[in-house]
PDB file of N, CA and C in Angstrom:
ATOM      1  N   MET A   1       0.841  -1.170   0.000  1.00  0.00           N
ATOM      2  CA  MET A   1       0.000   0.000   0.000  1.00  0.00           C
ATOM      3  C   MET A   1       0.895   1.244   0.000  1.00  0.00           C
ATOM      4  N   LEU A   2       0.597   2.163  -0.851  1.00  0.00           N
ATOM      5  CA  LEU A   2       1.364   3.398  -0.960  1.00  0.00           C
ATOM      6  C   LEU A   2       0.991   4.362   0.158  1.00  0.00           C
ATOM      7  N   THR A   3       1.983   4.898   0.796  1.00  0.00           N
ATOM      8  CA  THR A   3       1.786   5.941   1.791  1.00  0.00           C
ATOM      9  C   THR A   3       2.515   7.182   1.298  1.00  0.00           C
ATOM     10  N   VAL A   4       1.807   8.293   1.237  1.00  0.00           N
ATOM     11  CA  VAL A   4       2.398   9.551   0.790  1.00  0.00           C
ATOM     12  C   VAL A   4       2.471  10.482   1.985  1.00  0.00           C
ATOM     13  N   THR A   5       3.631  11.063   2.190  1.00  0.00           N
ATOM     14  CA  THR A   5       3.840  11.957   3.318  1.00  0.00           C
ATOM     15  C   THR A   5       4.241  13.330   2.808  1.00  0.00           C
ATOM     16  N   LYS A   6       3.563  14.336   3.296  1.00  0.00           N
ATOM     17  CA  LYS A   6       3.914  15.720   2.974  1.00  0.00           C
ATOM     18  C   LYS A   6       4.908  16.187   4.037  1.00  0.00           C
ATOM     19  N   SER A   7       5.996  16.782   3.597  1.00  0.00           N
ATOM     20  CA  SER A   7       6.998  17.236   4.559  1.00  0.00           C
ATOM     21  C   SER A   7       7.549  18.608   4.172  1.00  0.00           C
ATOM     22  N   ILE A   8       8.172  19.222   5.154  1.00  0.00           N
ATOM     23  CA  ILE A   8       8.823  20.516   4.968  1.00  0.00           C
ATOM     24  C   ILE A   8      10.317  20.285   5.095  1.00  0.00           C
ATOM     25  N   THR A   9      11.073  20.812   4.148  1.00  0.00           N
ATOM     26  CA  THR A   9      12.523  20.652   4.182  1.00  0.00           C
ATOM     27  C   THR A   9      13.178  22.012   4.401  1.00  0.00           C
ATOM     28  N   LEU A  10      14.079  22.036   5.346  1.00  0.00           N
ATOM     29  CA  LEU A  10      14.853  23.228   5.664  1.00  0.00           C
ATOM     30  C   LEU A  10      16.298  22.917   5.301  1.00  0.00           C
ATOM     31  N   THR A  11      16.947  23.818   4.556  1.00  0.00           N
ATOM     32  CA  THR A  11      18.351  23.597   4.203  1.00  0.00           C
ATOM     33  C   THR A  11      19.172  24.820   4.579  1.00  0.00           C
ATOM     34  N   GLY A  12      20.434  24.599   4.831  1.00  0.00           N
ATOM     35  CA  GLY A  12      21.330  25.698   5.163  1.00  0.00           C
ATOM     36  C   GLY A  12      22.745  25.383   4.714  1.00  0.00           C
ATOM     37  N   THR A  13      23.538  26.422   4.557  1.00  0.00           N
ATOM     38  CA  THR A  13      24.949  26.243   4.211  1.00  0.00           C
ATOM     39  C   THR A  13      25.804  27.121   5.115  1.00  0.00           C
ATOM     40  N   THR A  14      26.961  26.616   5.423  1.00  0.00           N
ATOM     41  CA  THR A  14      27.964  27.402   6.136  1.00  0.00           C
ATOM     42  C   THR A  14      29.031  27.765   5.121  1.00  0.00           C
ATOM     43  N   LYS A  15      29.203  29.060   4.920  1.00  0.00           N
ATOM     44  CA  LYS A  15      30.204  29.539   3.965  1.00  0.00           C
ATOM     45  C   LYS A  15      31.320  30.248   4.713  1.00  0.00           C
ATOM     46  N   ILE A  16      32.521  30.018   4.257  1.00  0.00           N
ATOM     47  CA  ILE A  16      33.709  30.700   4.769  1.00  0.00           C
ATOM     48  C   ILE A  16      34.319  31.435   3.582  1.00  0.00           C
ATOM     49  N   ASP A  17      34.376  32.748   3.665  1.00  0.00           N
ATOM     50  CA  ASP A  17      34.890  33.577   2.571  1.00  0.00           C
ATOM     51  C   ASP A  17      34.232  33.227   1.233  1.00  0.00           C
ATOM     52  N   GLY A  18      32.910  33.000   1.273  1.00  0.00           N
ATOM     53  CA  GLY A  18      32.158  32.734   0.062  1.00  0.00           C
ATOM     54  C   GLY A  18      32.220  31.303  -0.440  1.00  0.00           C
ATOM     55  N   VAL A  19      32.951  30.436   0.242  1.00  0.00           N
ATOM     56  CA  VAL A  19      33.089  29.040  -0.177  1.00  0.00           C
ATOM     57  C   VAL A  19      32.295  28.162   0.798  1.00  0.00           C
ATOM     58  N   ILE A  20      31.481  27.252   0.258  1.00  0.00           N
ATOM     59  CA  ILE A  20      30.676  26.383   1.113  1.00  0.00           C
ATOM     60  C   ILE A  20      31.576  25.366   1.811  1.00  0.00           C
ATOM     61  N   ALA A  21      31.503  25.374   3.141  1.00  0.00           N
ATOM     62  CA  ALA A  21      32.258  24.413   3.945  1.00  0.00           C
ATOM     63  C   ALA A  21      31.369  23.240   4.346  1.00  0.00           C
ATOM     64  N   GLU A  22      30.112  23.548   4.730  1.00  0.00           N
ATOM     65  CA  GLU A  22      29.190  22.512   5.194  1.00  0.00           C
ATOM     66  C   GLU A  22      27.771  22.808   4.726  1.00  0.00           C
ATOM     67  N   ARG A  23      26.989  21.751   4.635  1.00  0.00           N
ATOM     68  CA  ARG A  23      25.554  21.852   4.354  1.00  0.00           C
ATOM     69  C   ARG A  23      24.807  21.243   5.530  1.00  0.00           C
ATOM     70  N   HIS A  24      23.567  21.699   5.699  1.00  0.00           N
ATOM     71  CA  HIS A  24      22.720  21.200   6.777  1.00  0.00           C
ATOM     72  C   HIS A  24      21.328  20.988   6.192  1.00  0.00           C
ATOM     73  N   ALA A  25      20.606  19.989   6.699  1.00  0.00           N
ATOM     74  CA  ALA A  25      19.258  19.725   6.203  1.00  0.00           C
ATOM     75  C   ALA A  25      18.392  19.168   7.323  1.00  0.00           C
ATOM     76  N   ALA A  26      17.146  19.564   7.312  1.00  0.00           N
ATOM     77  CA  ALA A  26      16.158  19.028   8.251  1.00  0.00           C
ATOM     78  C   ALA A  26      14.870  18.802   7.473  1.00  0.00           C
ATOM     79  N   THR A  27      14.203  17.700   7.763  1.00  0.00           N
ATOM     80  CA  THR A  27      12.921  17.388   7.144  1.00  0.00           C
ATOM     81  C   THR A  27      11.920  17.123   8.257  1.00  0.00           C
ATOM     82  N   ILE A  28      10.794  17.824   8.190  1.00  0.00           N
ATOM     83  CA  ILE A  28       9.753  17.706   9.207  1.00  0.00           C
ATOM     84  C   ILE A  28       8.480  17.199   8.547  1.00  0.00           C
ATOM     85  N   ASN A  29       7.889  16.157   9.127  1.00  0.00           N
ATOM     86  CA  ASN A  29       6.636  15.606   8.629  1.00  0.00           C
ATOM     87  C   ASN A  29       5.526  16.622   8.912  1.00  0.00           C
ATOM     88  N   SER A  30       4.842  17.082   7.884  1.00  0.00           N
ATOM     89  CA  SER A  30       3.794  18.095   8.045  1.00  0.00           C
ATOM     90  C   SER A  30       2.609  17.594   8.859  1.00  0.00           C
ATOM     91  N   ASP A  31       2.282  16.314   8.722  1.00  0.00           N
ATOM     92  CA  ASP A  31       1.143  15.747   9.447  1.00  0.00           C
ATOM     93  C   ASP A  31       1.494  15.400  10.891  1.00  0.00           C
ATOM     94  N   ASN A  32       2.740  15.076  11.125  1.00  0.00           N
ATOM     95  CA  ASN A  32       3.204  14.707  12.459  1.00  0.00           C
ATOM     96  C   ASN A  32       4.547  15.392  12.714  1.00  0.00           C
ATOM     97  N   PRO A  33       4.523  16.667  13.117  1.00  0.00           N
ATOM     98  CA  PRO A  33       5.767  17.427  13.282  1.00  0.00           C
ATOM     99  C   PRO A  33       6.757  16.839  14.294  1.00  0.00           C
ATOM    100  N   GLU A  34       6.286  15.936  15.152  1.00  0.00           N
ATOM    101  CA  GLU A  34       7.219  15.261  16.067  1.00  0.00           C
ATOM    102  C   GLU A  34       8.268  14.477  15.286  1.00  0.00           C
ATOM    103  N   GLU A  35       7.895  14.097  14.066  1.00  0.00           N
ATOM    104  CA  GLU A  35       8.765  13.297  13.218  1.00  0.00           C
ATOM    105  C   GLU A  35       9.674  14.232  12.412  1.00  0.00           C
ATOM    106  N   MET A  36      10.916  14.363  12.860  1.00  0.00           N
ATOM    107  CA  MET A  36      11.877  15.247  12.199  1.00  0.00           C
ATOM    108  C   MET A  36      13.212  14.529  12.065  1.00  0.00           C
ATOM    109  N   SER A  37      13.808  14.640  10.894  1.00  0.00           N
ATOM    110  CA  SER A  37      15.174  14.151  10.714  1.00  0.00           C
ATOM    111  C   SER A  37      16.053  15.353  10.444  1.00  0.00           C
ATOM    112  N   ILE A  38      17.268  15.305  10.981  1.00  0.00           N
ATOM    113  CA  ILE A  38      18.168  16.444  10.821  1.00  0.00           C
ATOM    114  C   ILE A  38      19.578  15.936  10.542  1.00  0.00           C
ATOM    115  N   ASN A  39      20.229  16.555   9.587  1.00  0.00           N
ATOM    116  CA  ASN A  39      21.606  16.235   9.228  1.00  0.00           C
ATOM    117  C   ASN A  39      22.418  17.519   9.319  1.00  0.00           C
ATOM    118  N   LEU A  40      23.367  17.520  10.222  1.00  0.00           N
ATOM    119  CA  LEU A  40      24.184  18.709  10.452  1.00  0.00           C
ATOM    120  C   LEU A  40      25.622  18.475  10.019  1.00  0.00           C
ATOM    121  N   GLY A  41      26.245  19.509   9.500  1.00  0.00           N
ATOM    122  CA  GLY A  41      27.675  19.464   9.208  1.00  0.00           C
ATOM    123  C   GLY A  41      28.068  18.478   8.139  1.00  0.00           C
ATOM    124  N   ILE A  42      27.283  18.402   7.069  1.00  0.00           N
ATOM    125  CA  ILE A  42      27.653  17.555   5.944  1.00  0.00           C
ATOM    126  C   ILE A  42      28.814  18.257   5.246  1.00  0.00           C
ATOM    127  N   LYS A  43      29.975  17.680   5.355  1.00  0.00           N
ATOM    128  CA  LYS A  43      31.196  18.336   4.889  1.00  0.00           C
ATOM    129  C   LYS A  43      31.239  18.406   3.356  1.00  0.00           C
ATOM    130  N   VAL A  44      31.287  19.621   2.845  1.00  0.00           N
ATOM    131  CA  VAL A  44      31.451  19.858   1.418  1.00  0.00           C
ATOM    132  C   VAL A  44      32.935  20.094   1.144  1.00  0.00           C
ATOM    133  N   ASN A  45      33.572  20.828   2.037  1.00  0.00           N
ATOM    134  CA  ASN A  45      35.008  21.119   1.944  1.00  0.00           C
ATOM    135  C   ASN A  45      35.601  20.805   3.319  1.00  0.00           C
ATOM    136  N   LYS A  46      36.064  19.571   3.466  1.00  0.00           N
ATOM    137  CA  LYS A  46      36.516  19.075   4.769  1.00  0.00           C
ATOM    138  C   LYS A  46      37.629  19.929   5.365  1.00  0.00           C
ATOM    139  N   SER A  47      38.620  20.287   4.579  1.00  0.00           N
ATOM    140  CA  SER A  47      39.735  21.059   5.122  1.00  0.00           C
ATOM    141  C   SER A  47      39.287  22.451   5.574  1.00  0.00           C
ATOM    142  N   LEU A  48      38.388  23.064   4.815  1.00  0.00           N
ATOM    143  CA  LEU A  48      37.860  24.382   5.183  1.00  0.00           C
ATOM    144  C   LEU A  48      37.019  24.280   6.455  1.00  0.00           C
ATOM    145  N   SER A  49      36.230  23.238   6.534  1.00  0.00           N
ATOM    146  CA  SER A  49      35.399  23.006   7.715  1.00  0.00           C
ATOM    147  C   SER A  49      36.262  22.802   8.958  1.00  0.00           C
ATOM    148  N   GLU A  50      37.271  21.982   8.850  1.00  0.00           N
ATOM    149  CA  GLU A  50      38.142  21.698   9.994  1.00  0.00           C
ATOM    150  C   GLU A  50      38.979  22.907  10.395  1.00  0.00           C
ATOM    151  N   ALA A  51      39.364  23.717   9.430  1.00  0.00           N
ATOM    152  CA  ALA A  51      40.153  24.915   9.728  1.00  0.00           C
ATOM    153  C   ALA A  51      39.318  26.006  10.396  1.00  0.00           C
ATOM    154  N   ASN A  52      38.010  25.907  10.262  1.00  0.00           N
ATOM    155  CA  ASN A  52      37.082  26.895  10.830  1.00  0.00           C
ATOM    156  C   ASN A  52      36.074  26.208  11.743  1.00  0.00           C
ATOM    157  N   LEU A  53      36.583  25.352  12.591  1.00  0.00           N
ATOM    158  CA  LEU A  53      35.755  24.503  13.434  1.00  0.00           C
ATOM    159  C   LEU A  53      34.765  25.285  14.287  1.00  0.00           C
ATOM    160  N   GLU A  54      35.204  26.345  14.919  1.00  0.00           N
ATOM    161  CA  GLU A  54      34.316  27.112  15.813  1.00  0.00           C
ATOM    162  C   GLU A  54      33.168  27.759  15.041  1.00  0.00           C
ATOM    163  N   THR A  55      33.463  28.345  13.902  1.00  0.00           N
ATOM    164  CA  THR A  55      32.419  28.962  13.076  1.00  0.00           C
ATOM    165  C   THR A  55      31.436  27.906  12.598  1.00  0.00           C
ATOM    166  N   CYS A  56      31.945  26.796  12.126  1.00  0.00           N
ATOM    167  CA  CYS A  56      31.076  25.723  11.634  1.00  0.00           C
ATOM    168  C   CYS A  56      30.220  25.159  12.762  1.00  0.00           C
ATOM    169  N   ARG A  57      30.807  24.954  13.909  1.00  0.00           N
ATOM    170  CA  ARG A  57      30.063  24.430  15.058  1.00  0.00           C
ATOM    171  C   ARG A  57      28.946  25.397  15.456  1.00  0.00           C
ATOM    172  N   ALA A  58      29.256  26.680  15.493  1.00  0.00           N
ATOM    173  CA  ALA A  58      28.253  27.692  15.857  1.00  0.00           C
ATOM    174  C   ALA A  58      27.103  27.700  14.849  1.00  0.00           C
ATOM    175  N   GLU A  59      27.411  27.576  13.570  1.00  0.00           N
ATOM    176  CA  GLU A  59      26.364  27.594  12.558  1.00  0.00           C
ATOM    177  C   GLU A  59      25.561  26.304  12.551  1.00  0.00           C
ATOM    178  N   ARG A  60      26.180  25.165  12.900  1.00  0.00           N
ATOM    179  CA  ARG A  60      25.425  23.922  13.065  1.00  0.00           C
ATOM    180  C   ARG A  60      24.387  24.094  14.165  1.00  0.00           C
ATOM    181  N   ASN A  61      24.831  24.668  15.285  1.00  0.00           N
ATOM    182  CA  ASN A  61      23.919  24.899  16.411  1.00  0.00           C
ATOM    183  C   ASN A  61      22.799  25.863  16.021  1.00  0.00           C
ATOM    184  N   GLU A  62      23.146  26.903  15.283  1.00  0.00           N
ATOM    185  CA  GLU A  62      22.146  27.884  14.834  1.00  0.00           C
ATOM    186  C   GLU A  62      21.110  27.221  13.931  1.00  0.00           C
ATOM    187  N   PHE A  63      21.573  26.363  13.023  1.00  0.00           N
ATOM    188  CA  PHE A  63      20.652  25.664  12.128  1.00  0.00           C
ATOM    189  C   PHE A  63      19.753  24.715  12.920  1.00  0.00           C
ATOM    190  N   GLU A  64      20.329  23.982  13.849  1.00  0.00           N
ATOM    191  CA  GLU A  64      19.540  23.057  14.658  1.00  0.00           C
ATOM    192  C   GLU A  64      18.468  23.812  15.448  1.00  0.00           C
ATOM    193  N   ASP A  65      18.846  24.960  16.018  1.00  0.00           N
ATOM    194  CA  ASP A  65      17.874  25.784  16.747  1.00  0.00           C
ATOM    195  C   ASP A  65      16.739  26.227  15.830  1.00  0.00           C
ATOM    196  N   ALA A  66      17.057  26.622  14.596  1.00  0.00           N
ATOM    197  CA  ALA A  66      16.036  27.062  13.639  1.00  0.00           C
ATOM    198  C   ALA A  66      15.102  25.908  13.271  1.00  0.00           C
ATOM    199  N   ALA A  67      15.661  24.723  13.088  1.00  0.00           N
ATOM    200  CA  ALA A  67      14.843  23.554  12.748  1.00  0.00           C
ATOM    201  C   ALA A  67      13.909  23.192  13.900  1.00  0.00           C
ATOM    202  N   ILE A  68      14.421  23.221  15.108  1.00  0.00           N
ATOM    203  CA  ILE A  68      13.592  22.908  16.278  1.00  0.00           C
ATOM    204  C   ILE A  68      12.510  23.968  16.468  1.00  0.00           C
ATOM    205  N   ALA A  69      12.839  25.222  16.238  1.00  0.00           N
ATOM    206  CA  ALA A  69      11.850  26.297  16.354  1.00  0.00           C
ATOM    207  C   ALA A  69      10.716  26.093  15.348  1.00  0.00           C
ATOM    208  N   LEU A  70      11.045  25.720  14.115  1.00  0.00           N
ATOM    209  CA  LEU A  70      10.024  25.470  13.104  1.00  0.00           C
ATOM    210  C   LEU A  70       9.168  24.276  13.507  1.00  0.00           C
ATOM    211  N   LYS A  71       9.797  23.227  13.978  1.00  0.00           N
ATOM    212  CA  LYS A  71       9.057  22.050  14.443  1.00  0.00           C
ATOM    213  C   LYS A  71       8.086  22.440  15.552  1.00  0.00           C
ATOM    214  N   ASN A  72       8.552  23.247  16.493  1.00  0.00           N
ATOM    215  CA  ASN A  72       7.693  23.673  17.602  1.00  0.00           C
ATOM    216  C   ASN A  72       6.529  24.539  17.125  1.00  0.00           C
ATOM    217  N   GLU A  73       6.772  25.391  16.132  1.00  0.00           N
ATOM    218  CA  GLU A  73       5.695  26.199  15.546  1.00  0.00           C
ATOM    219  C   GLU A  73       4.633  25.301  14.913  1.00  0.00           C
ATOM    220  N   LEU A  74       5.085  24.293  14.185  1.00  0.00           N
ATOM    221  CA  LEU A  74       4.154  23.370  13.539  1.00  0.00           C
ATOM    222  C   LEU A  74       3.361  22.572  14.572  1.00  0.00           C
ATOM    223  N   LEU A  75       4.029  22.150  15.641  1.00  0.00           N
ATOM    224  CA  LEU A  75       3.343  21.424  16.710  1.00  0.00           C
ATOM    225  C   LEU A  75       2.285  22.296  17.380  1.00  0.00           C
ATOM    226  N   ALA A  76       2.631  23.548  17.657  1.00  0.00           N
ATOM    227  CA  ALA A  76       1.690  24.469  18.296  1.00  0.00           C
ATOM    228  C   ALA A  76       0.483  24.710  17.393  1.00  0.00           C
ATOM    229  N   ALA A  77       0.721  24.890  16.103  1.00  0.00           N
ATOM    230  CA  ALA A  77      -0.376  25.112  15.159  1.00  0.00           C
ATOM    231  C   ALA A  77      -1.276  23.883  15.085  1.00  0.00           C
ATOM    232  N   LYS A  78      -0.675  22.691  15.109  1.00  0.00           N
ATOM    233  CA  LYS A  78      -1.454  21.454  15.044  1.00  0.00           C
ATOM    234  C   LYS A  78      -2.293  21.310  16.320  1.00  0.00           C
ATOM    235  N   GLU A  79      -1.705  21.602  17.469  1.00  0.00           N
ATOM    236  CA  GLU A  79      -2.443  21.508  18.732  1.00  0.00           C
ATOM    237  C   GLU A  79      -3.602  22.494  18.757  1.00  0.00           C
ATOM    238  N   GLU A  80      -3.360  23.695  18.251  1.00  0.00           N
ATOM    239  CA  GLU A  80      -4.403  24.716  18.195  1.00  0.00           C
ATOM    240  C   GLU A  80      -5.542  24.280  17.269  1.00  0.00           C
ATOM    241  N   GLU A  81      -5.164  23.703  16.135  1.00  0.00           N
ATOM    242  CA  GLU A  81      -6.142  23.212  15.159  1.00  0.00           C
ATOM    243  C   GLU A  81      -6.988  22.087  15.759  1.00  0.00           C
ATOM    244  N   GLU A  82      -6.356  21.192  16.492  1.00  0.00           N
ATOM    245  CA  GLU A  82      -7.073  20.069  17.101  1.00  0.00           C
ATOM    246  C   GLU A  82      -7.972  20.522  18.249  1.00  0.00           C
ATOM    247  N   ALA A  83      -7.628  21.617  18.887  1.00  0.00           N
ATOM    248  CA  ALA A  83      -8.422  22.141  20.005  1.00  0.00           C
ATOM    249  C   ALA A  83      -9.712  22.815  19.534  1.00  0.00           C
ATOM    250  N   GLU A  84      -9.718  23.252  18.284  1.00  0.00           N
ATOM    251  CA  GLU A  84     -10.895  23.964  17.749  1.00  0.00           C
ATOM    252  C   GLU A  84     -12.042  23.039  17.444  1.00  0.00           C
TER     253      GLU A  84
END
């Protein structure tokens, strides 16, 4: 049986001097926002990423915070919708 899931995808990049060092991605199930997958620090340029570890780490955390905030917004909207 085919199951189709609608989801929201959030993507981000960490750039150092205009060059992409890392990519980040999060996917949130629209029907069940509790269901979220997140991939942080996908190395595009390993040497650049490692040479700028603190910047990359800070941006990974920033992306994760943004993904969690979106998930929480979706959860709140779903709870509000179910309460009506």
